[in-house]
Amino acid sequence: MNSKKMYFGLLGLICLMVIGGVCALFIGNNMLKTNSDALVQLKLENKVLEEQQVSLLQANKDIEKYAELENVTKSIVPQDKDQAKTVREIIKIAEESGIGISSITFPNSTLGTAAPKPATTEQSSDSPKPATPAAPPVSQVTPVSGITGVYQLEITIQSDADTPISYENLINFLTRLEQNRRTAQVAEINIQPKASDIHTLTFNIVINVFIKP
C-alpha cells in the first residue's frame, strides 16, 4: 500500500513537472515573441530616424546650395538699376579694354508723369473692360518679353571721338560687357572708322542691363 501511494505520488509529481515545463515553455515563447517584436519595432524606428537624419542633412545642404545660388542670381540679375554702380562698372571695363568713354546715357525718367490713357471707344455696358497694364515698379525700364518680373534698362555708350581705338579693343570691350555679372546684352552698335586711319574707329553702342525688382 505504501509502495502504491509512493508510485502515484511520483506519477503525480512527474505530471506536475511536465505541466509546469509546458507552461514555462509557453510563457517563455510568448516573452521571446514579445521581445522579438519590440526589437523589430525599435530597429524600424531607428531606421526611420536614420533616414530622417539623412534627409535633414541633405535639406541643410540644399538650403546652403540654393542660398548661394540665390545670391549669385541676385548678383547676375540685380534687384535695382543702381545707375551710378552701372556707370562705374562700364567705365572700369572700358579702361581695362583701353577705351575712352565720352558719355553714358539712360532713358528719360518717367517719374512724376501720368501713364497714357487708352483711346476711348464706345462699348456696351455688358462688354468687359480691358485690363490696364501694370506699370513697372521702377522707372526707365521696360518689361522683358516672356520673363515675368524681369525688366531691361537701355544704356547708350559713346566712345571718345578724340581717342580712336582698334577693332581688337572694341571686341575686348564687348566681350567683357557681355561677361559682366550684371548681365549686359549688346542691342545695337554703330562703328565709325577714322578717315585718316581705317584701322582705328569710334563707336556708339546700346546695351540692355537686366534687373528683377
C-alpha atoms as a PDB file:
ATOM      1  CA  MET A   1       0.000   0.000   0.000  1.00  0.00           C
ATOM      2  CA  ASN A   2       2.837   2.327   0.803  1.00  0.00           C
ATOM      3  CA  SER A   3       4.604   1.499  -2.454  1.00  0.00           C
ATOM      4  CA  LYS A   4       1.405   2.144  -4.452  1.00  0.00           C
ATOM      5  CA  LYS A   5       0.967   5.525  -2.768  1.00  0.00           C
ATOM      6  CA  MET A   6       4.557   6.347  -3.492  1.00  0.00           C
ATOM      7  CA  TYR A   7       4.090   5.337  -7.137  1.00  0.00           C
ATOM      8  CA  PHE A   8       1.044   7.513  -7.593  1.00  0.00           C
ATOM      9  CA  GLY A   9       2.738  10.303  -5.709  1.00  0.00           C
ATOM     10  CA  LEU A  10       5.762  10.161  -8.002  1.00  0.00           C
ATOM     11  CA  LEU A  11       3.467   9.920 -11.045  1.00  0.00           C
ATOM     12  CA  GLY A  12       1.554  12.995  -9.894  1.00  0.00           C
ATOM     13  CA  LEU A  13       4.791  14.843  -9.270  1.00  0.00           C
ATOM     14  CA  ILE A  14       6.032  13.969 -12.756  1.00  0.00           C
ATOM     15  CA  CYS A  15       2.742  15.168 -14.267  1.00  0.00           C
ATOM     16  CA  LEU A  16       3.015  18.423 -12.365  1.00  0.00           C
ATOM     17  CA  MET A  17       6.590  18.839 -13.556  1.00  0.00           C
ATOM     18  CA  VAL A  18       5.550  18.176 -17.181  1.00  0.00           C
ATOM     19  CA  ILE A  19       2.651  20.619 -16.919  1.00  0.00           C
ATOM     20  CA  GLY A  20       4.946  23.191 -15.294  1.00  0.00           C
ATOM     21  CA  GLY A  21       7.539  22.690 -18.036  1.00  0.00           C
ATOM     22  CA  VAL A  22       4.902  23.142 -20.754  1.00  0.00           C
ATOM     23  CA  CYS A  23       3.600  26.283 -19.059  1.00  0.00           C
ATOM     24  CA  ALA A  24       7.125  27.641 -18.653  1.00  0.00           C
ATOM     25  CA  LEU A  25       7.862  26.901 -22.335  1.00  0.00           C
ATOM     26  CA  PHE A  26       4.635  28.612 -23.422  1.00  0.00           C
ATOM     27  CA  ILE A  27       5.280  31.670 -21.262  1.00  0.00           C
ATOM     28  CA  GLY A  28       8.922  31.834 -22.361  1.00  0.00           C
ATOM     29  CA  ASN A  29       7.909  31.580 -26.015  1.00  0.00           C
ATOM     30  CA  ASN A  30       5.404  34.413 -25.577  1.00  0.00           C
ATOM     31  CA  MET A  31       8.008  36.547 -23.827  1.00  0.00           C
ATOM     32  CA  LEU A  32      10.536  35.808 -26.562  1.00  0.00           C
ATOM     33  CA  LYS A  33       8.000  36.708 -29.261  1.00  0.00           C
ATOM     34  CA  THR A  34       7.105  39.933 -27.437  1.00  0.00           C
ATOM     35  CA  ASN A  35      10.762  40.893 -27.068  1.00  0.00           C
ATOM     36  CA  SER A  36      11.405  39.984 -30.709  1.00  0.00           C
ATOM     37  CA  ASP A  37       8.509  42.191 -31.882  1.00  0.00           C
ATOM     38  CA  ALA A  38       9.774  45.024 -29.692  1.00  0.00           C
ATOM     39  CA  LEU A  39      13.278  44.620 -31.130  1.00  0.00           C
ATOM     40  CA  VAL A  40      11.938  44.699 -34.699  1.00  0.00           C
ATOM     41  CA  GLN A  41       9.912  47.825 -33.866  1.00  0.00           C
ATOM     42  CA  LEU A  42      12.980  49.510 -32.376  1.00  0.00           C
ATOM     43  CA  LYS A  43      15.008  48.636 -35.467  1.00  0.00           C
ATOM     44  CA  LEU A  44      12.295  50.115 -37.703  1.00  0.00           C
ATOM     45  CA  GLU A  45      12.148  53.287 -35.602  1.00  0.00           C
ATOM     46  CA  ASN A  46      15.932  53.531 -35.679  1.00  0.00           C
ATOM     47  CA  LYS A  47      15.919  53.136 -39.465  1.00  0.00           C
ATOM     48  CA  VAL A  48      13.259  55.841 -39.797  1.00  0.00           C
ATOM     49  CA  LEU A  49      15.319  58.160 -37.580  1.00  0.00           C
ATOM     50  CA  GLU A  50      18.439  57.483 -39.660  1.00  0.00           C
ATOM     51  CA  GLU A  51      16.517  58.245 -42.872  1.00  0.00           C
ATOM     52  CA  GLN A  52      15.128  61.443 -41.334  1.00  0.00           C
ATOM     53  CA  GLN A  53      18.629  62.436 -40.257  1.00  0.00           C
ATOM     54  CA  VAL A  54      19.953  61.835 -43.783  1.00  0.00           C
ATOM     55  CA  SER A  55      17.035  63.832 -45.220  1.00  0.00           C
ATOM     56  CA  LEU A  56      17.702  66.658 -42.756  1.00  0.00           C
ATOM     57  CA  LEU A  57      21.397  66.763 -43.656  1.00  0.00           C
ATOM     58  CA  GLN A  58      20.501  66.792 -47.360  1.00  0.00           C
ATOM     59  CA  ALA A  59      17.939  69.546 -46.758  1.00  0.00           C
ATOM     60  CA  ASN A  60      20.578  71.647 -44.981  1.00  0.00           C
ATOM     61  CA  LYS A  61      22.965  71.106 -47.891  1.00  0.00           C
ATOM     62  CA  ASP A  62      20.206  72.087 -50.336  1.00  0.00           C
ATOM     63  CA  ILE A  63      19.473  75.234 -48.300  1.00  0.00           C
ATOM     64  CA  GLU A  64      23.145  76.226 -48.407  1.00  0.00           C
ATOM     65  CA  LYS A  65      23.336  75.376 -52.112  1.00  0.00           C
ATOM     66  CA  TYR A  66      20.234  77.321 -53.091  1.00  0.00           C
ATOM     67  CA  ALA A  67      21.085  80.217 -50.781  1.00  0.00           C
ATOM     68  CA  GLU A  68      24.379  80.549 -52.640  1.00  0.00           C
ATOM     69  CA  LEU A  69      22.529  80.184 -55.952  1.00  0.00           C
ATOM     70  CA  GLU A  70      20.087  82.914 -54.897  1.00  0.00           C
ATOM     71  CA  ASN A  71      22.984  85.235 -54.073  1.00  0.00           C
ATOM     72  CA  VAL A  72      24.587  84.527 -57.463  1.00  0.00           C
ATOM     73  CA  THR A  73      21.237  85.080 -59.193  1.00  0.00           C
ATOM     74  CA  LYS A  74      20.781  88.422 -57.441  1.00  0.00           C
ATOM     75  CA  SER A  75      24.303  89.349 -58.498  1.00  0.00           C
ATOM     76  CA  ILE A  76      23.675  88.347 -62.114  1.00  0.00           C
ATOM     77  CA  VAL A  77      20.207  89.910 -62.298  1.00  0.00           C
ATOM     78  CA  PRO A  78      20.311  92.782 -59.769  1.00  0.00           C
ATOM     79  CA  GLN A  79      17.230  93.904 -57.846  1.00  0.00           C
ATOM     80  CA  ASP A  80      17.802  97.592 -58.550  1.00  0.00           C
ATOM     81  CA  LYS A  81      19.042  99.599 -61.501  1.00  0.00           C
ATOM     82  CA  ASP A  82      21.703 101.491 -59.457  1.00  0.00           C
ATOM     83  CA  GLN A  83      22.801 103.743 -62.319  1.00  0.00           C
ATOM     84  CA  ALA A  84      25.883 105.028 -60.508  1.00  0.00           C
ATOM     85  CA  LYS A  85      27.209 101.498 -59.974  1.00  0.00           C
ATOM     86  CA  THR A  86      26.413 100.578 -63.579  1.00  0.00           C
ATOM     87  CA  VAL A  87      28.327 103.610 -64.866  1.00  0.00           C
ATOM     88  CA  ARG A  88      31.332 102.763 -62.677  1.00  0.00           C
ATOM     89  CA  GLU A  89      31.368  99.191 -63.967  1.00  0.00           C
ATOM     90  CA  ILE A  90      31.158 100.317 -67.619  1.00  0.00           C
ATOM     91  CA  ILE A  91      33.954 102.868 -67.121  1.00  0.00           C
ATOM     92  CA  LYS A  92      36.104 100.216 -65.418  1.00  0.00           C
ATOM     93  CA  ILE A  93      35.543  97.713 -68.253  1.00  0.00           C
ATOM     94  CA  ALA A  94      36.327 100.424 -70.820  1.00  0.00           C
ATOM     95  CA  GLU A  95      39.567 101.369 -69.054  1.00  0.00           C
ATOM     96  CA  GLU A  96      40.609  97.706 -68.873  1.00  0.00           C
ATOM     97  CA  SER A  97      39.957  97.460 -72.628  1.00  0.00           C
ATOM     98  CA  GLY A  98      41.939 100.617 -73.434  1.00  0.00           C
ATOM     99  CA  ILE A  99      38.867 102.645 -74.413  1.00  0.00           C
ATOM    100  CA  GLY A 100      37.908 106.211 -73.525  1.00  0.00           C
ATOM    101  CA  ILE A 101      34.202 106.917 -72.968  1.00  0.00           C
ATOM    102  CA  SER A 102      32.734 110.340 -73.689  1.00  0.00           C
ATOM    103  CA  SER A 103      29.167 109.715 -72.489  1.00  0.00           C
ATOM    104  CA  ILE A 104      26.865 107.134 -70.922  1.00  0.00           C
ATOM    105  CA  THR A 105      23.173 107.979 -71.158  1.00  0.00           C
ATOM    106  CA  PHE A 106      19.978 106.427 -69.822  1.00  0.00           C
ATOM    107  CA  PRO A 107      16.356 106.773 -70.985  1.00  0.00           C
ATOM    108  CA  ASN A 108      14.372 109.741 -69.714  1.00  0.00           C
ATOM    109  CA  SER A 109      12.819 109.085 -66.313  1.00  0.00           C
ATOM    110  CA  THR A 110       9.057 108.595 -66.204  1.00  0.00           C
ATOM    111  CA  LEU A 111       8.775 109.514 -62.520  1.00  0.00           C
ATOM    112  CA  GLY A 112       6.039 112.084 -61.916  1.00  0.00           C
ATOM    113  CA  THR A 113       4.419 111.624 -65.327  1.00  0.00           C
ATOM    114  CA  ALA A 114       0.954 110.185 -65.717  1.00  0.00           C
ATOM    115  CA  ALA A 115       0.549 106.942 -67.609  1.00  0.00           C
ATOM    116  CA  PRO A 116      -1.045 107.423 -71.054  1.00  0.00           C
ATOM    117  CA  LYS A 117      -4.748 106.674 -71.105  1.00  0.00           C
ATOM    118  CA  PRO A 118      -6.062 104.247 -73.729  1.00  0.00           C
ATOM    119  CA  ALA A 119      -8.189 105.700 -76.521  1.00  0.00           C
ATOM    120  CA  THR A 120     -11.884 105.916 -75.610  1.00  0.00           C
ATOM    121  CA  THR A 121     -14.156 103.644 -77.639  1.00  0.00           C
ATOM    122  CA  GLU A 122     -17.872 103.083 -77.354  1.00  0.00           C
ATOM    123  CA  GLN A 123     -18.641  99.809 -75.640  1.00  0.00           C
ATOM    124  CA  SER A 124     -21.837  98.252 -74.448  1.00  0.00           C
ATOM    125  CA  SER A 125     -22.377  98.128 -70.710  1.00  0.00           C
ATOM    126  CA  ASP A 126     -22.050  94.331 -70.797  1.00  0.00           C
ATOM    127  CA  SER A 127     -18.688  94.347 -72.572  1.00  0.00           C
ATOM    128  CA  PRO A 128     -15.722  93.523 -70.311  1.00  0.00           C
ATOM    129  CA  LYS A 129     -13.312  96.398 -69.807  1.00  0.00           C
ATOM    130  CA  PRO A 130      -9.739  95.761 -70.954  1.00  0.00           C
ATOM    131  CA  ALA A 131      -7.274  95.317 -68.103  1.00  0.00           C
ATOM    132  CA  THR A 132      -4.932  98.238 -67.570  1.00  0.00           C
ATOM    133  CA  PRO A 133      -1.305  97.044 -67.903  1.00  0.00           C
ATOM    134  CA  ALA A 134       0.627  97.348 -64.656  1.00  0.00           C
ATOM    135  CA  ALA A 135       3.377  99.959 -64.612  1.00  0.00           C
ATOM    136  CA  PRO A 136       6.958  98.752 -63.979  1.00  0.00           C
ATOM    137  CA  PRO A 137       7.979  99.015 -60.297  1.00  0.00           C
ATOM    138  CA  VAL A 138      10.949 101.224 -61.283  1.00  0.00           C
ATOM    139  CA  SER A 139      11.295 103.970 -63.879  1.00  0.00           C
ATOM    140  CA  GLN A 140      13.250 103.949 -67.162  1.00  0.00           C
ATOM    141  CA  VAL A 141      12.794 100.209 -67.691  1.00  0.00           C
ATOM    142  CA  THR A 142      10.693  98.045 -69.988  1.00  0.00           C
ATOM    143  CA  PRO A 143       9.406  94.510 -69.313  1.00  0.00           C
ATOM    144  CA  VAL A 144      11.321  91.608 -70.864  1.00  0.00           C
ATOM    145  CA  SER A 145       9.004  89.637 -73.114  1.00  0.00           C
ATOM    146  CA  GLY A 146       8.358  86.106 -71.886  1.00  0.00           C
ATOM    147  CA  ILE A 147      10.058  86.531 -68.478  1.00  0.00           C
ATOM    148  CA  THR A 148       7.698  87.729 -65.759  1.00  0.00           C
ATOM    149  CA  GLY A 149       9.153  90.205 -63.276  1.00  0.00           C
ATOM    150  CA  VAL A 150      12.366  90.893 -65.232  1.00  0.00           C
ATOM    151  CA  TYR A 151      12.959  94.323 -66.805  1.00  0.00           C
ATOM    152  CA  GLN A 152      15.595  95.779 -69.087  1.00  0.00           C
ATOM    153  CA  LEU A 153      17.277  99.153 -68.797  1.00  0.00           C
ATOM    154  CA  GLU A 154      18.626 100.603 -72.041  1.00  0.00           C
ATOM    155  CA  ILE A 155      22.027 102.307 -71.842  1.00  0.00           C
ATOM    156  CA  THR A 156      23.769 104.201 -74.662  1.00  0.00           C
ATOM    157  CA  ILE A 157      27.580 104.348 -74.618  1.00  0.00           C
ATOM    158  CA  GLN A 158      29.577 106.741 -76.809  1.00  0.00           C
ATOM    159  CA  SER A 159      33.333 106.346 -77.170  1.00  0.00           C
ATOM    160  CA  ASP A 160      35.674 109.346 -77.060  1.00  0.00           C
ATOM    161  CA  ALA A 161      35.924 110.770 -80.592  1.00  0.00           C
ATOM    162  CA  ASP A 162      39.369 112.247 -79.845  1.00  0.00           C
ATOM    163  CA  THR A 163      40.892 108.854 -78.983  1.00  0.00           C
ATOM    164  CA  PRO A 164      40.002 106.294 -81.687  1.00  0.00           C
ATOM    165  CA  ILE A 165      40.557 102.647 -80.808  1.00  0.00           C
ATOM    166  CA  SER A 166      41.401  99.441 -82.659  1.00  0.00           C
ATOM    167  CA  TYR A 167      38.914  96.719 -83.606  1.00  0.00           C
ATOM    168  CA  GLU A 168      40.663  94.461 -81.115  1.00  0.00           C
ATOM    169  CA  ASN A 169      39.952  96.931 -78.298  1.00  0.00           C
ATOM    170  CA  LEU A 170      36.293  97.072 -79.319  1.00  0.00           C
ATOM    171  CA  ILE A 171      35.925  93.269 -79.410  1.00  0.00           C
ATOM    172  CA  ASN A 172      37.568  93.021 -75.995  1.00  0.00           C
ATOM    173  CA  PHE A 173      35.210  95.673 -74.614  1.00  0.00           C
ATOM    174  CA  LEU A 174      32.102  93.940 -75.997  1.00  0.00           C
ATOM    175  CA  THR A 175      33.243  90.572 -74.654  1.00  0.00           C
ATOM    176  CA  ARG A 176      33.822  91.991 -71.180  1.00  0.00           C
ATOM    177  CA  LEU A 177      30.428  93.715 -71.244  1.00  0.00           C
ATOM    178  CA  GLU A 178      28.545  90.519 -72.038  1.00  0.00           C
ATOM    179  CA  GLN A 179      30.516  88.609 -69.383  1.00  0.00           C
ATOM    180  CA  ASN A 180      29.702  91.226 -66.768  1.00  0.00           C
ATOM    181  CA  ARG A 181      27.874  89.981 -63.651  1.00  0.00           C
ATOM    182  CA  ARG A 182      25.079  92.486 -64.276  1.00  0.00           C
ATOM    183  CA  THR A 183      24.105  90.615 -67.450  1.00  0.00           C
ATOM    184  CA  ALA A 184      24.549  93.218 -70.183  1.00  0.00           C
ATOM    185  CA  GLN A 185      23.335  92.416 -73.692  1.00  0.00           C
ATOM    186  CA  VAL A 186      24.525  94.413 -76.706  1.00  0.00           C
ATOM    187  CA  ALA A 187      21.382  95.505 -78.565  1.00  0.00           C
ATOM    188  CA  GLU A 188      22.815  97.901 -81.179  1.00  0.00           C
ATOM    189  CA  ILE A 189      26.240  99.057 -82.344  1.00  0.00           C
ATOM    190  CA  ASN A 190      27.363 101.783 -84.745  1.00  0.00           C
ATOM    191  CA  ILE A 191      31.011 101.933 -85.833  1.00  0.00           C
ATOM    192  CA  GLN A 192      32.669 104.984 -87.418  1.00  0.00           C
ATOM    193  CA  PRO A 193      36.148 104.204 -88.857  1.00  0.00           C
ATOM    194  CA  LYS A 194      38.584 107.111 -88.718  1.00  0.00           C
ATOM    195  CA  ALA A 195      39.039 108.678 -92.163  1.00  0.00           C
ATOM    196  CA  SER A 196      42.805 109.074 -91.808  1.00  0.00           C
ATOM    197  CA  ASP A 197      43.335 105.557 -90.419  1.00  0.00           C
ATOM    198  CA  ILE A 198      40.833 102.833 -91.280  1.00  0.00           C
ATOM    199  CA  HIS A 199      42.362 100.551 -88.648  1.00  0.00           C
ATOM    200  CA  THR A 200      41.010 102.745 -85.845  1.00  0.00           C
ATOM    201  CA  LEU A 201      37.444 103.751 -85.038  1.00  0.00           C
ATOM    202  CA  THR A 202      34.954 105.317 -82.682  1.00  0.00           C
ATOM    203  CA  PHE A 203      31.660 103.707 -81.754  1.00  0.00           C
ATOM    204  CA  ASN A 204      28.225 104.161 -80.289  1.00  0.00           C
ATOM    205  CA  ILE A 205      26.533 101.136 -78.717  1.00  0.00           C
ATOM    206  CA  VAL A 206      23.244 100.444 -76.970  1.00  0.00           C
ATOM    207  CA  ILE A 207      23.185  97.743 -74.289  1.00  0.00           C
ATOM    208  CA  ASN A 208      20.404  96.296 -72.172  1.00  0.00           C
ATOM    209  CA  VAL A 209      21.018  95.704 -68.472  1.00  0.00           C
ATOM    210  CA  PHE A 210      18.528  93.349 -66.837  1.00  0.00           C
ATOM    211  CA  ILE A 211      17.054  93.842 -63.367  1.00  0.00           C
ATOM    212  CA  LYS A 212      14.493  91.953 -61.262  1.00  0.00           C
ATOM    213  CA  PRO A 213      12.958  94.300 -58.634  1.00  0.00           C
END
